Amino acid sequence: MILSTERLLPDAQGYARAAEILHEGGRVAFPTETVYGLGGDARNDMAVAGIFEAKGRPRFNPLIVHVESAQAAQAYVTWSDLAERLARAFWPGPLTMVLPLKPDTGLSPLVTAELPTLAIRVPAHPVAQALLRTFGGPVAAPSANPSGRISPTLAAHVIAGLDGRIEAVLDGGACDVGVESTILGLADGPVLLRPGGISAEEIEAVIGEPVGHHADGSAISAPGQLASHYAPGASVRLNAETRQDGELLLGFGPVACDLNLSPTGDLREAAANLFGHLHALDAQGADAIAVSPIPDAGLGRAINDRLRRAAAPRPGTDRP
């Protein structure tokens, strides 16, 4: 039984303790450049099951495996020339590639939800890199929050959602990108399975061809595709020009609001602030959060994707 979650510093002692917990089958939250991930040994069935348990995550929703290098990734997936080009351009960084799973990798089948593919990436955050090197193995890690709720960009967000449900969190400060990684399917691709920290335009510039897009409502083939996800306790109303009675307004650009994602209309600043601002507004106890219109281009597509899922009807409730 876990009485409280340890908060570890990103130093030699903290990394050693975190690696020890992972080797014992425990769970450690850690920062990536996107959001905090909830890590467990991807080869250990009990560790991976513990991730699903702590989050209340559906078992049919696959996980991303984090490794320290492209060379390490090739032990688990069938590599290709296209994967190599993308890895050279974007790894370490906020791109997850979904590739055919090699046989006999030793990974828990829970990681892939028994799909024939694996979502894998190399994070850029120095704390994530140090943890992976110290641990010396693959770490399965979805976002470190209760399933369906706002993703964490601070250690405090992790503690607020998962205290006493996981063994430890490595406190590496605020995450820079602020929205999860872009997920690109390459098994039958390239197909954009989830928009994220790298835009489709950036990917297309590297590969020299357009990417396809995952159809909403089709079978889940990667993390982050549930219709209702990233949600605060309050309901969410999108494309709001003004606030209505009882609402708090999350602004974008030069608008009067309660919190502003970016007063200057900078999409990178908005992405970095998105989850943190939703946490802050939700903590004020509002019944509803209205959100200003966000341009649906470049990184704005990832922001709008998260906001649409936050605003979607929530299973098992009578409210959006």
C-alpha atoms as a PDB file:
ATOM      1  CA  MET A   1       0.000   0.000   0.000  1.00  0.00           C
ATOM      2  CA  ILE A   2       1.306   3.469  -0.953  1.00  0.00           C
ATOM      3  CA  LEU A   3       0.690   6.072   1.734  1.00  0.00           C
ATOM      4  CA  SER A   4       2.027   9.021  -0.258  1.00  0.00           C
ATOM      5  CA  THR A   5       3.964   9.586  -3.451  1.00  0.00           C
ATOM      6  CA  GLU A   6       7.685  10.365  -3.108  1.00  0.00           C
ATOM      7  CA  ARG A   7       8.850  13.583  -4.763  1.00  0.00           C
ATOM      8  CA  LEU A   8      12.352  12.997  -6.120  1.00  0.00           C
ATOM      9  CA  LEU A   9      14.901  15.608  -7.175  1.00  0.00           C
ATOM     10  CA  PRO A  10      16.566  15.306 -10.596  1.00  0.00           C
ATOM     11  CA  ASP A  11      19.992  14.430  -9.193  1.00  0.00           C
ATOM     12  CA  ALA A  12      22.063  11.264  -8.934  1.00  0.00           C
ATOM     13  CA  GLN A  13      20.211  10.116  -5.812  1.00  0.00           C
ATOM     14  CA  GLY A  14      16.810  10.839  -7.360  1.00  0.00           C
ATOM     15  CA  TYR A  15      17.608   8.998 -10.591  1.00  0.00           C
ATOM     16  CA  ALA A  16      18.969   6.013  -8.676  1.00  0.00           C
ATOM     17  CA  ARG A  17      15.835   5.836  -6.523  1.00  0.00           C
ATOM     18  CA  ALA A  18      13.555   6.188  -9.554  1.00  0.00           C
ATOM     19  CA  ALA A  19      15.392   3.416 -11.408  1.00  0.00           C
ATOM     20  CA  GLU A  20      15.181   1.204  -8.325  1.00  0.00           C
ATOM     21  CA  ILE A  21      11.409   1.686  -8.190  1.00  0.00           C
ATOM     22  CA  LEU A  22      11.085   0.842 -11.891  1.00  0.00           C
ATOM     23  CA  HIS A  23      13.213  -2.285 -11.514  1.00  0.00           C
ATOM     24  CA  GLU A  24      10.942  -3.363  -8.636  1.00  0.00           C
ATOM     25  CA  GLY A  25       7.861  -3.017 -10.837  1.00  0.00           C
ATOM     26  CA  GLY A  26       6.750   0.336  -9.456  1.00  0.00           C
ATOM     27  CA  ARG A  27       5.598   3.513 -11.175  1.00  0.00           C
ATOM     28  CA  VAL A  28       7.512   6.775 -11.491  1.00  0.00           C
ATOM     29  CA  ALA A  29       6.146   9.961 -13.066  1.00  0.00           C
ATOM     30  CA  PHE A  30       8.761  12.002 -14.908  1.00  0.00           C
ATOM     31  CA  PRO A  31       8.861  15.101 -17.103  1.00  0.00           C
ATOM     32  CA  THR A  32       9.215  14.984 -20.856  1.00  0.00           C
ATOM     33  CA  GLU A  33       9.327  18.038 -23.092  1.00  0.00           C
ATOM     34  CA  THR A  34       5.578  17.519 -23.727  1.00  0.00           C
ATOM     35  CA  VAL A  35       3.872  16.544 -20.439  1.00  0.00           C
ATOM     36  CA  TYR A  36       4.706  14.400 -17.403  1.00  0.00           C
ATOM     37  CA  GLY A  37       4.567  10.682 -18.156  1.00  0.00           C
ATOM     38  CA  LEU A  38       3.684   7.864 -15.772  1.00  0.00           C
ATOM     39  CA  GLY A  39       6.459   5.347 -16.287  1.00  0.00           C
ATOM     40  CA  GLY A  40       6.724   1.641 -15.657  1.00  0.00           C
ATOM     41  CA  ASP A  41       9.011  -1.124 -16.927  1.00  0.00           C
ATOM     42  CA  ALA A  42       7.541  -1.948 -20.359  1.00  0.00           C
ATOM     43  CA  ARG A  43       8.727  -5.580 -19.997  1.00  0.00           C
ATOM     44  CA  ASN A  44       6.947  -6.198 -16.702  1.00  0.00           C
ATOM     45  CA  ASP A  45       3.274  -7.218 -16.909  1.00  0.00           C
ATOM     46  CA  MET A  46       2.575  -6.195 -13.319  1.00  0.00           C
ATOM     47  CA  ALA A  47       4.253  -2.806 -13.757  1.00  0.00           C
ATOM     48  CA  VAL A  48       2.271  -2.052 -16.903  1.00  0.00           C
ATOM     49  CA  ALA A  49      -0.955  -3.266 -15.293  1.00  0.00           C
ATOM     50  CA  GLY A  50      -0.150  -0.924 -12.411  1.00  0.00           C
ATOM     51  CA  ILE A  51      -0.059   2.035 -14.806  1.00  0.00           C
ATOM     52  CA  PHE A  52      -3.549   1.214 -16.066  1.00  0.00           C
ATOM     53  CA  GLU A  53      -4.749   0.718 -12.487  1.00  0.00           C
ATOM     54  CA  ALA A  54      -3.341   4.012 -11.166  1.00  0.00           C
ATOM     55  CA  LYS A  55      -4.821   6.015 -14.040  1.00  0.00           C
ATOM     56  CA  GLY A  56      -8.088   4.108 -14.354  1.00  0.00           C
ATOM     57  CA  ARG A  57      -7.141   3.742 -18.023  1.00  0.00           C
ATOM     58  CA  PRO A  58      -9.023   1.378 -20.344  1.00  0.00           C
ATOM     59  CA  ARG A  59      -6.918  -1.676 -21.195  1.00  0.00           C
ATOM     60  CA  PHE A  60      -7.718  -1.366 -24.913  1.00  0.00           C
ATOM     61  CA  ASN A  61      -5.868   1.981 -25.048  1.00  0.00           C
ATOM     62  CA  PRO A  62      -2.198   1.302 -25.973  1.00  0.00           C
ATOM     63  CA  LEU A  63       0.807   2.997 -24.362  1.00  0.00           C
ATOM     64  CA  ILE A  64       3.867   4.776 -25.738  1.00  0.00           C
ATOM     65  CA  VAL A  65       7.236   3.203 -24.987  1.00  0.00           C
ATOM     66  CA  HIS A  66      10.077   5.639 -24.266  1.00  0.00           C
ATOM     67  CA  VAL A  67      13.683   4.721 -25.082  1.00  0.00           C
ATOM     68  CA  GLU A  68      16.914   6.687 -24.967  1.00  0.00           C
ATOM     69  CA  SER A  69      17.897   6.504 -28.649  1.00  0.00           C
ATOM     70  CA  ALA A  70      16.825   5.487 -32.144  1.00  0.00           C
ATOM     71  CA  GLN A  71      19.252   2.575 -31.896  1.00  0.00           C
ATOM     72  CA  ALA A  72      17.428   1.355 -28.781  1.00  0.00           C
ATOM     73  CA  ALA A  73      14.072   1.688 -30.582  1.00  0.00           C
ATOM     74  CA  GLN A  74      15.206  -0.686 -33.320  1.00  0.00           C
ATOM     75  CA  ALA A  75      15.306  -3.562 -30.828  1.00  0.00           C
ATOM     76  CA  TYR A  76      11.499  -3.406 -30.615  1.00  0.00           C
ATOM     77  CA  VAL A  77      10.155  -2.294 -34.010  1.00  0.00           C
ATOM     78  CA  THR A  78      10.769  -3.030 -37.676  1.00  0.00           C
ATOM     79  CA  TRP A  79      12.760  -0.048 -38.882  1.00  0.00           C
ATOM     80  CA  SER A  80      12.465   1.601 -42.286  1.00  0.00           C
ATOM     81  CA  ASP A  81      14.171   4.276 -44.352  1.00  0.00           C
ATOM     82  CA  LEU A  82      11.254   6.604 -43.596  1.00  0.00           C
ATOM     83  CA  ALA A  83      11.571   5.983 -39.860  1.00  0.00           C
ATOM     84  CA  GLU A  84      15.291   6.726 -40.107  1.00  0.00           C
ATOM     85  CA  ARG A  85      14.687  10.053 -41.860  1.00  0.00           C
ATOM     86  CA  LEU A  86      12.101  11.079 -39.283  1.00  0.00           C
ATOM     87  CA  ALA A  87      14.291  10.003 -36.367  1.00  0.00           C
ATOM     88  CA  ARG A  88      17.209  12.042 -37.721  1.00  0.00           C
ATOM     89  CA  ALA A  89      14.964  15.093 -38.059  1.00  0.00           C
ATOM     90  CA  PHE A  90      12.887  14.913 -34.869  1.00  0.00           C
ATOM     91  CA  TRP A  91      14.472  12.615 -32.267  1.00  0.00           C
ATOM     92  CA  PRO A  92      15.008  13.286 -29.463  1.00  0.00           C
ATOM     93  CA  GLY A  93      11.747  15.219 -29.518  1.00  0.00           C
ATOM     94  CA  PRO A  94       7.938  15.205 -29.455  1.00  0.00           C
ATOM     95  CA  LEU A  95       7.327  12.681 -32.248  1.00  0.00           C
ATOM     96  CA  THR A  96       5.991   9.180 -31.589  1.00  0.00           C
ATOM     97  CA  MET A  97       6.233   6.680 -34.441  1.00  0.00           C
ATOM     98  CA  VAL A  98       3.920   3.666 -34.666  1.00  0.00           C
ATOM     99  CA  LEU A  99       5.815   0.830 -36.349  1.00  0.00           C
ATOM    100  CA  PRO A 100       5.391  -2.947 -36.742  1.00  0.00           C
ATOM    101  CA  LEU A 101       6.271  -4.744 -33.516  1.00  0.00           C
ATOM    102  CA  LYS A 102       9.139  -7.201 -33.789  1.00  0.00           C
ATOM    103  CA  PRO A 103       8.519 -10.727 -32.469  1.00  0.00           C
ATOM    104  CA  ASP A 104       9.924 -11.790 -29.110  1.00  0.00           C
ATOM    105  CA  THR A 105      10.822  -8.318 -27.862  1.00  0.00           C
ATOM    106  CA  GLY A 106      10.015  -9.164 -24.262  1.00  0.00           C
ATOM    107  CA  LEU A 107       7.561  -6.268 -24.005  1.00  0.00           C
ATOM    108  CA  SER A 108       4.356  -6.813 -22.068  1.00  0.00           C
ATOM    109  CA  PRO A 109       1.398  -7.362 -24.449  1.00  0.00           C
ATOM    110  CA  LEU A 110      -0.515  -4.877 -22.299  1.00  0.00           C
ATOM    111  CA  VAL A 111       1.688  -2.099 -23.737  1.00  0.00           C
ATOM    112  CA  THR A 112       0.352  -2.558 -27.263  1.00  0.00           C
ATOM    113  CA  ALA A 113      -3.180  -3.614 -26.268  1.00  0.00           C
ATOM    114  CA  GLU A 114      -2.197  -6.702 -28.292  1.00  0.00           C
ATOM    115  CA  LEU A 115      -2.000  -4.687 -31.528  1.00  0.00           C
ATOM    116  CA  PRO A 116       0.711  -5.715 -34.052  1.00  0.00           C
ATOM    117  CA  THR A 117       2.321  -2.272 -33.790  1.00  0.00           C
ATOM    118  CA  LEU A 118       4.200  -0.317 -31.129  1.00  0.00           C
ATOM    119  CA  ALA A 119       4.119   3.413 -30.394  1.00  0.00           C
ATOM    120  CA  ILE A 120       7.668   4.470 -29.548  1.00  0.00           C
ATOM    121  CA  ARG A 121       9.617   7.686 -29.075  1.00  0.00           C
ATOM    122  CA  VAL A 122      12.842   9.208 -27.781  1.00  0.00           C
ATOM    123  CA  PRO A 123      12.079  12.105 -25.403  1.00  0.00           C
ATOM    124  CA  ALA A 124      14.278  15.198 -25.423  1.00  0.00           C
ATOM    125  CA  HIS A 125      13.856  16.327 -21.807  1.00  0.00           C
ATOM    126  CA  PRO A 126      17.168  15.934 -19.948  1.00  0.00           C
ATOM    127  CA  VAL A 127      15.439  14.433 -16.892  1.00  0.00           C
ATOM    128  CA  ALA A 128      13.694  11.827 -19.046  1.00  0.00           C
ATOM    129  CA  GLN A 129      16.963  11.038 -20.800  1.00  0.00           C
ATOM    130  CA  ALA A 130      18.836  10.690 -17.510  1.00  0.00           C
ATOM    131  CA  LEU A 131      16.154   8.382 -16.103  1.00  0.00           C
ATOM    132  CA  LEU A 132      16.186   6.170 -19.205  1.00  0.00           C
ATOM    133  CA  ARG A 133      19.982   5.891 -19.104  1.00  0.00           C
ATOM    134  CA  THR A 134      19.988   5.083 -15.396  1.00  0.00           C
ATOM    135  CA  PHE A 135      17.190   2.528 -15.719  1.00  0.00           C
ATOM    136  CA  GLY A 136      18.670   0.958 -18.835  1.00  0.00           C
ATOM    137  CA  GLY A 137      15.461  -0.315 -20.414  1.00  0.00           C
ATOM    138  CA  PRO A 138      12.191   0.622 -22.150  1.00  0.00           C
ATOM    139  CA  VAL A 139       9.694   2.646 -20.128  1.00  0.00           C
ATOM    140  CA  ALA A 140       5.987   2.582 -20.955  1.00  0.00           C
ATOM    141  CA  ALA A 141       4.502   5.959 -20.093  1.00  0.00           C
ATOM    142  CA  PRO A 142       1.133   7.568 -20.777  1.00  0.00           C
ATOM    143  CA  SER A 143       0.450  11.001 -19.290  1.00  0.00           C
ATOM    144  CA  ALA A 144       0.646  11.025 -15.486  1.00  0.00           C
ATOM    145  CA  ASN A 145      -2.965  11.902 -14.703  1.00  0.00           C
ATOM    146  CA  PRO A 146      -6.243  10.104 -13.997  1.00  0.00           C
ATOM    147  CA  SER A 147      -7.540   8.809 -17.320  1.00  0.00           C
ATOM    148  CA  GLY A 148      -9.524  11.360 -19.286  1.00  0.00           C
ATOM    149  CA  ARG A 149      -8.494  14.333 -17.158  1.00  0.00           C
ATOM    150  CA  ILE A 150      -6.169  17.271 -17.855  1.00  0.00           C
ATOM    151  CA  SER A 151      -2.600  16.227 -18.638  1.00  0.00           C
ATOM    152  CA  PRO A 152       0.082  17.359 -16.138  1.00  0.00           C
ATOM    153  CA  THR A 153       2.802  19.849 -16.999  1.00  0.00           C
ATOM    154  CA  LEU A 154       4.087  20.257 -13.417  1.00  0.00           C
ATOM    155  CA  ALA A 155       4.964  17.755 -10.691  1.00  0.00           C
ATOM    156  CA  ALA A 156       2.278  19.431  -8.584  1.00  0.00           C
ATOM    157  CA  HIS A 157      -0.335  18.433 -11.178  1.00  0.00           C
ATOM    158  CA  VAL A 158       0.832  14.805 -10.905  1.00  0.00           C
ATOM    159  CA  ILE A 159       0.590  14.855  -7.108  1.00  0.00           C
ATOM    160  CA  ALA A 160      -2.867  16.448  -7.237  1.00  0.00           C
ATOM    161  CA  GLY A 161      -4.175  13.642  -9.425  1.00  0.00           C
ATOM    162  CA  LEU A 162      -2.216  10.567  -8.370  1.00  0.00           C
ATOM    163  CA  ASP A 163      -0.885  11.079  -4.828  1.00  0.00           C
ATOM    164  CA  GLY A 164      -0.885   7.754  -3.015  1.00  0.00           C
ATOM    165  CA  ARG A 165      -1.588   5.850  -6.238  1.00  0.00           C
ATOM    166  CA  ILE A 166       1.983   5.829  -7.622  1.00  0.00           C
ATOM    167  CA  GLU A 167       5.346   5.389  -5.933  1.00  0.00           C
ATOM    168  CA  ALA A 168       7.204   8.540  -7.007  1.00  0.00           C
ATOM    169  CA  VAL A 169       7.461  11.599  -9.231  1.00  0.00           C
ATOM    170  CA  LEU A 170      10.721  13.080 -10.512  1.00  0.00           C
ATOM    171  CA  ASP A 171      10.276  16.845 -10.247  1.00  0.00           C
ATOM    172  CA  GLY A 172      11.882  18.403 -13.315  1.00  0.00           C
ATOM    173  CA  GLY A 173       9.924  21.653 -13.356  1.00  0.00           C
ATOM    174  CA  ALA A 174       7.541  22.786 -16.082  1.00  0.00           C
ATOM    175  CA  CYS A 175       7.280  21.021 -19.443  1.00  0.00           C
ATOM    176  CA  ASP A 176       8.239  23.205 -22.414  1.00  0.00           C
ATOM    177  CA  VAL A 177       5.966  22.016 -25.236  1.00  0.00           C
ATOM    178  CA  GLY A 178       2.852  21.515 -23.127  1.00  0.00           C
ATOM    179  CA  VAL A 179       0.852  19.224 -25.447  1.00  0.00           C
ATOM    180  CA  GLU A 180       1.567  15.554 -26.030  1.00  0.00           C
ATOM    181  CA  SER A 181       3.737  14.197 -28.810  1.00  0.00           C
ATOM    182  CA  THR A 182       2.588  13.946 -32.385  1.00  0.00           C
ATOM    183  CA  ILE A 183       1.813  10.303 -33.221  1.00  0.00           C
ATOM    184  CA  LEU A 184       2.591   9.215 -36.775  1.00  0.00           C
ATOM    185  CA  GLY A 185       1.604   5.786 -38.044  1.00  0.00           C
ATOM    186  CA  LEU A 186       4.162   4.215 -40.374  1.00  0.00           C
ATOM    187  CA  ALA A 187       2.914   0.626 -40.562  1.00  0.00           C
ATOM    188  CA  ASP A 188       0.576   1.581 -43.433  1.00  0.00           C
ATOM    189  CA  GLY A 189       1.392   5.257 -43.480  1.00  0.00           C
ATOM    190  CA  PRO A 190       2.442   7.862 -43.125  1.00  0.00           C
ATOM    191  CA  VAL A 191      -0.771   8.653 -41.239  1.00  0.00           C
ATOM    192  CA  LEU A 192      -1.212  11.322 -38.569  1.00  0.00           C
ATOM    193  CA  LEU A 193      -2.813   9.417 -35.688  1.00  0.00           C
ATOM    194  CA  ARG A 194      -2.682  12.286 -33.179  1.00  0.00           C
ATOM    195  CA  PRO A 195      -1.597  15.905 -33.724  1.00  0.00           C
ATOM    196  CA  GLY A 196       0.945  17.147 -31.214  1.00  0.00           C
ATOM    197  CA  GLY A 197       4.161  19.048 -30.644  1.00  0.00           C
ATOM    198  CA  ILE A 198       5.381  18.661 -34.238  1.00  0.00           C
ATOM    199  CA  SER A 199       3.034  19.839 -36.995  1.00  0.00           C
ATOM    200  CA  ALA A 200       2.002  17.852 -40.050  1.00  0.00           C
ATOM    201  CA  GLU A 201       3.627  20.534 -42.176  1.00  0.00           C
ATOM    202  CA  GLU A 202       6.991  19.978 -40.475  1.00  0.00           C
ATOM    203  CA  ILE A 203       6.726  16.235 -41.072  1.00  0.00           C
ATOM    204  CA  GLU A 204       5.741  16.693 -44.711  1.00  0.00           C
ATOM    205  CA  ALA A 205       8.728  18.979 -45.264  1.00  0.00           C
ATOM    206  CA  VAL A 206      11.027  16.140 -44.154  1.00  0.00           C
ATOM    207  CA  ILE A 207       9.390  13.209 -45.946  1.00  0.00           C
ATOM    208  CA  GLY A 208       8.433  15.061 -49.126  1.00  0.00           C
ATOM    209  CA  GLU A 209       4.867  13.740 -49.275  1.00  0.00           C
ATOM    210  CA  PRO A 210       1.524  14.506 -47.625  1.00  0.00           C
ATOM    211  CA  VAL A 211       0.497  12.604 -44.517  1.00  0.00           C
ATOM    212  CA  GLY A 212      -2.885  10.936 -44.196  1.00  0.00           C
ATOM    213  CA  HIS A 213      -5.178  11.571 -41.244  1.00  0.00           C
ATOM    214  CA  HIS A 214      -6.855   9.216 -38.786  1.00  0.00           C
ATOM    215  CA  ALA A 215     -10.628   9.241 -39.176  1.00  0.00           C
ATOM    216  CA  ASP A 216     -12.533  10.148 -35.992  1.00  0.00           C
ATOM    217  CA  GLY A 217     -14.616   7.225 -34.786  1.00  0.00           C
ATOM    218  CA  SER A 218     -12.430   4.559 -36.380  1.00  0.00           C
ATOM    219  CA  ALA A 219     -10.744   1.850 -34.316  1.00  0.00           C
ATOM    220  CA  ILE A 220      -8.171   2.977 -31.756  1.00  0.00           C
ATOM    221  CA  SER A 221      -4.686   2.404 -33.142  1.00  0.00           C
ATOM    222  CA  ALA A 222      -2.628   4.710 -30.907  1.00  0.00           C
ATOM    223  CA  PRO A 223      -2.823   6.553 -27.575  1.00  0.00           C
ATOM    224  CA  GLY A 224      -4.820   9.784 -27.311  1.00  0.00           C
ATOM    225  CA  GLN A 225      -7.660   8.807 -29.667  1.00  0.00           C
ATOM    226  CA  LEU A 226     -10.506   8.498 -27.136  1.00  0.00           C
ATOM    227  CA  ALA A 227     -13.302  10.940 -27.985  1.00  0.00           C
ATOM    228  CA  SER A 228     -13.444  12.296 -24.410  1.00  0.00           C
ATOM    229  CA  HIS A 229      -9.997  13.052 -23.012  1.00  0.00           C
ATOM    230  CA  TYR A 230      -7.884  15.803 -21.364  1.00  0.00           C
ATOM    231  CA  ALA A 231     -10.999  17.051 -19.527  1.00  0.00           C
ATOM    232  CA  PRO A 232     -11.249  19.366 -16.486  1.00  0.00           C
ATOM    233  CA  GLY A 233     -13.982  18.906 -13.916  1.00  0.00           C
ATOM    234  CA  ALA A 234     -15.810  21.885 -15.434  1.00  0.00           C
ATOM    235  CA  SER A 235     -17.614  21.616 -18.752  1.00  0.00           C
ATOM    236  CA  VAL A 236     -15.848  23.250 -21.711  1.00  0.00           C
ATOM    237  CA  ARG A 237     -17.339  25.521 -24.413  1.00  0.00           C
ATOM    238  CA  LEU A 238     -15.212  26.209 -27.480  1.00  0.00           C
ATOM    239  CA  ASN A 239     -14.907  29.153 -29.900  1.00  0.00           C
ATOM    240  CA  ALA A 240     -16.309  31.566 -27.337  1.00  0.00           C
ATOM    241  CA  GLU A 241     -16.132  35.258 -28.201  1.00  0.00           C
ATOM    242  CA  THR A 242     -17.347  36.269 -24.708  1.00  0.00           C
ATOM    243  CA  ARG A 243     -17.992  34.555 -21.401  1.00  0.00           C
ATOM    244  CA  GLN A 244     -21.514  33.644 -20.339  1.00  0.00           C
ATOM    245  CA  ASP A 245     -22.887  33.778 -16.794  1.00  0.00           C
ATOM    246  CA  GLY A 246     -21.010  31.352 -14.540  1.00  0.00           C
ATOM    247  CA  GLU A 247     -18.157  30.777 -17.001  1.00  0.00           C
ATOM    248  CA  LEU A 248     -14.468  31.486 -16.737  1.00  0.00           C
ATOM    249  CA  LEU A 249     -12.862  32.499 -20.028  1.00  0.00           C
ATOM    250  CA  LEU A 250      -9.614  30.997 -21.287  1.00  0.00           C
ATOM    251  CA  GLY A 251      -8.456  33.554 -23.813  1.00  0.00           C
ATOM    252  CA  PHE A 252      -6.200  33.661 -26.843  1.00  0.00           C
ATOM    253  CA  GLY A 253      -4.948  36.915 -28.318  1.00  0.00           C
ATOM    254  CA  PRO A 254      -5.922  40.418 -27.152  1.00  0.00           C
ATOM    255  CA  VAL A 255      -9.127  39.605 -25.262  1.00  0.00           C
ATOM    256  CA  ALA A 256     -10.421  40.313 -21.758  1.00  0.00           C
ATOM    257  CA  CYS A 257     -10.363  36.962 -19.970  1.00  0.00           C
ATOM    258  CA  ASP A 258      -9.551  35.146 -16.733  1.00  0.00           C
ATOM    259  CA  LEU A 259      -6.384  33.527 -18.092  1.00  0.00           C
ATOM    260  CA  ASN A 260      -4.777  33.965 -21.503  1.00  0.00           C
ATOM    261  CA  LEU A 261      -3.003  31.202 -23.410  1.00  0.00           C
ATOM    262  CA  SER A 262      -1.047  33.841 -25.331  1.00  0.00           C
ATOM    263  CA  PRO A 263      -1.951  37.545 -25.364  1.00  0.00           C
ATOM    264  CA  THR A 264       0.122  37.971 -28.541  1.00  0.00           C
ATOM    265  CA  GLY A 265      -1.471  34.996 -30.328  1.00  0.00           C
ATOM    266  CA  ASP A 266       1.678  32.834 -30.263  1.00  0.00           C
ATOM    267  CA  LEU A 267       0.660  29.185 -30.773  1.00  0.00           C
ATOM    268  CA  ARG A 268       3.799  27.768 -29.131  1.00  0.00           C
ATOM    269  CA  GLU A 269       3.160  29.853 -26.022  1.00  0.00           C
ATOM    270  CA  ALA A 270      -0.481  28.759 -26.098  1.00  0.00           C
ATOM    271  CA  ALA A 271       0.453  25.073 -26.302  1.00  0.00           C
ATOM    272  CA  ALA A 272       2.901  25.404 -23.429  1.00  0.00           C
ATOM    273  CA  ASN A 273       0.221  27.072 -21.285  1.00  0.00           C
ATOM    274  CA  LEU A 274      -2.789  24.958 -22.295  1.00  0.00           C
ATOM    275  CA  PHE A 275      -2.940  22.252 -19.631  1.00  0.00           C
ATOM    276  CA  GLY A 276      -1.508  24.425 -16.860  1.00  0.00           C
ATOM    277  CA  HIS A 277      -4.148  27.108 -17.461  1.00  0.00           C
ATOM    278  CA  LEU A 278      -6.930  24.504 -17.576  1.00  0.00           C
ATOM    279  CA  HIS A 279      -5.688  23.133 -14.233  1.00  0.00           C
ATOM    280  CA  ALA A 280      -5.648  26.660 -12.763  1.00  0.00           C
ATOM    281  CA  LEU A 281      -9.165  27.539 -13.954  1.00  0.00           C
ATOM    282  CA  ASP A 282     -10.544  24.171 -12.854  1.00  0.00           C
ATOM    283  CA  ALA A 283      -9.073  24.730  -9.380  1.00  0.00           C
ATOM    284  CA  GLN A 284     -11.223  27.867  -9.062  1.00  0.00           C
ATOM    285  CA  GLY A 285     -14.297  25.624  -8.964  1.00  0.00           C
ATOM    286  CA  ALA A 286     -16.123  26.991 -12.007  1.00  0.00           C
ATOM    287  CA  ASP A 287     -18.938  24.933 -13.505  1.00  0.00           C
ATOM    288  CA  ALA A 288     -17.890  25.902 -17.022  1.00  0.00           C
ATOM    289  CA  ILE A 289     -14.825  27.116 -18.917  1.00  0.00           C
ATOM    290  CA  ALA A 290     -15.221  28.996 -22.185  1.00  0.00           C
ATOM    291  CA  VAL A 291     -12.289  29.057 -24.618  1.00  0.00           C
ATOM    292  CA  SER A 292     -11.508  31.678 -27.242  1.00  0.00           C
ATOM    293  CA  PRO A 293     -11.164  30.572 -30.897  1.00  0.00           C
ATOM    294  CA  ILE A 294      -7.720  29.115 -31.733  1.00  0.00           C
ATOM    295  CA  PRO A 295      -6.411  29.126 -35.339  1.00  0.00           C
ATOM    296  CA  ASP A 296      -6.609  25.565 -36.681  1.00  0.00           C
ATOM    297  CA  ALA A 297      -3.215  25.503 -38.371  1.00  0.00           C
ATOM    298  CA  GLY A 298       0.230  24.224 -37.413  1.00  0.00           C
ATOM    299  CA  LEU A 299       0.468  23.699 -33.660  1.00  0.00           C
ATOM    300  CA  GLY A 300      -3.059  25.094 -33.385  1.00  0.00           C
ATOM    301  CA  ARG A 301      -4.362  21.766 -34.705  1.00  0.00           C
ATOM    302  CA  ALA A 302      -2.915  19.964 -31.685  1.00  0.00           C
ATOM    303  CA  ILE A 303      -4.355  22.571 -29.302  1.00  0.00           C
ATOM    304  CA  ASN A 304      -7.795  22.319 -30.906  1.00  0.00           C
ATOM    305  CA  ASP A 305      -7.627  18.513 -30.866  1.00  0.00           C
ATOM    306  CA  ARG A 306      -7.083  18.550 -27.093  1.00  0.00           C
ATOM    307  CA  LEU A 307      -9.804  21.155 -26.569  1.00  0.00           C
ATOM    308  CA  ARG A 308     -12.364  19.222 -28.653  1.00  0.00           C
ATOM    309  CA  ARG A 309     -11.697  16.096 -26.602  1.00  0.00           C
ATOM    310  CA  ALA A 310     -11.902  18.116 -23.365  1.00  0.00           C
ATOM    311  CA  ALA A 311     -15.288  19.459 -24.486  1.00  0.00           C
ATOM    312  CA  ALA A 312     -16.679  16.115 -25.696  1.00  0.00           C
ATOM    313  CA  PRO A 313     -19.528  14.354 -23.862  1.00  0.00           C
ATOM    314  CA  ARG A 314     -18.090  12.256 -21.038  1.00  0.00           C
ATOM    315  CA  PRO A 315     -18.980   8.592 -20.771  1.00  0.00           C
ATOM    316  CA  GLY A 316     -21.094   7.702 -17.751  1.00  0.00           C
ATOM    317  CA  THR A 317     -22.172  11.277 -16.999  1.00  0.00           C
ATOM    318  CA  ASP A 318     -25.086  13.498 -17.917  1.00  0.00           C
ATOM    319  CA  ARG A 319     -22.867  16.484 -18.613  1.00  0.00           C
ATOM    320  CA  PRO A 320     -20.451  17.366 -21.404  1.00  0.00           C
END
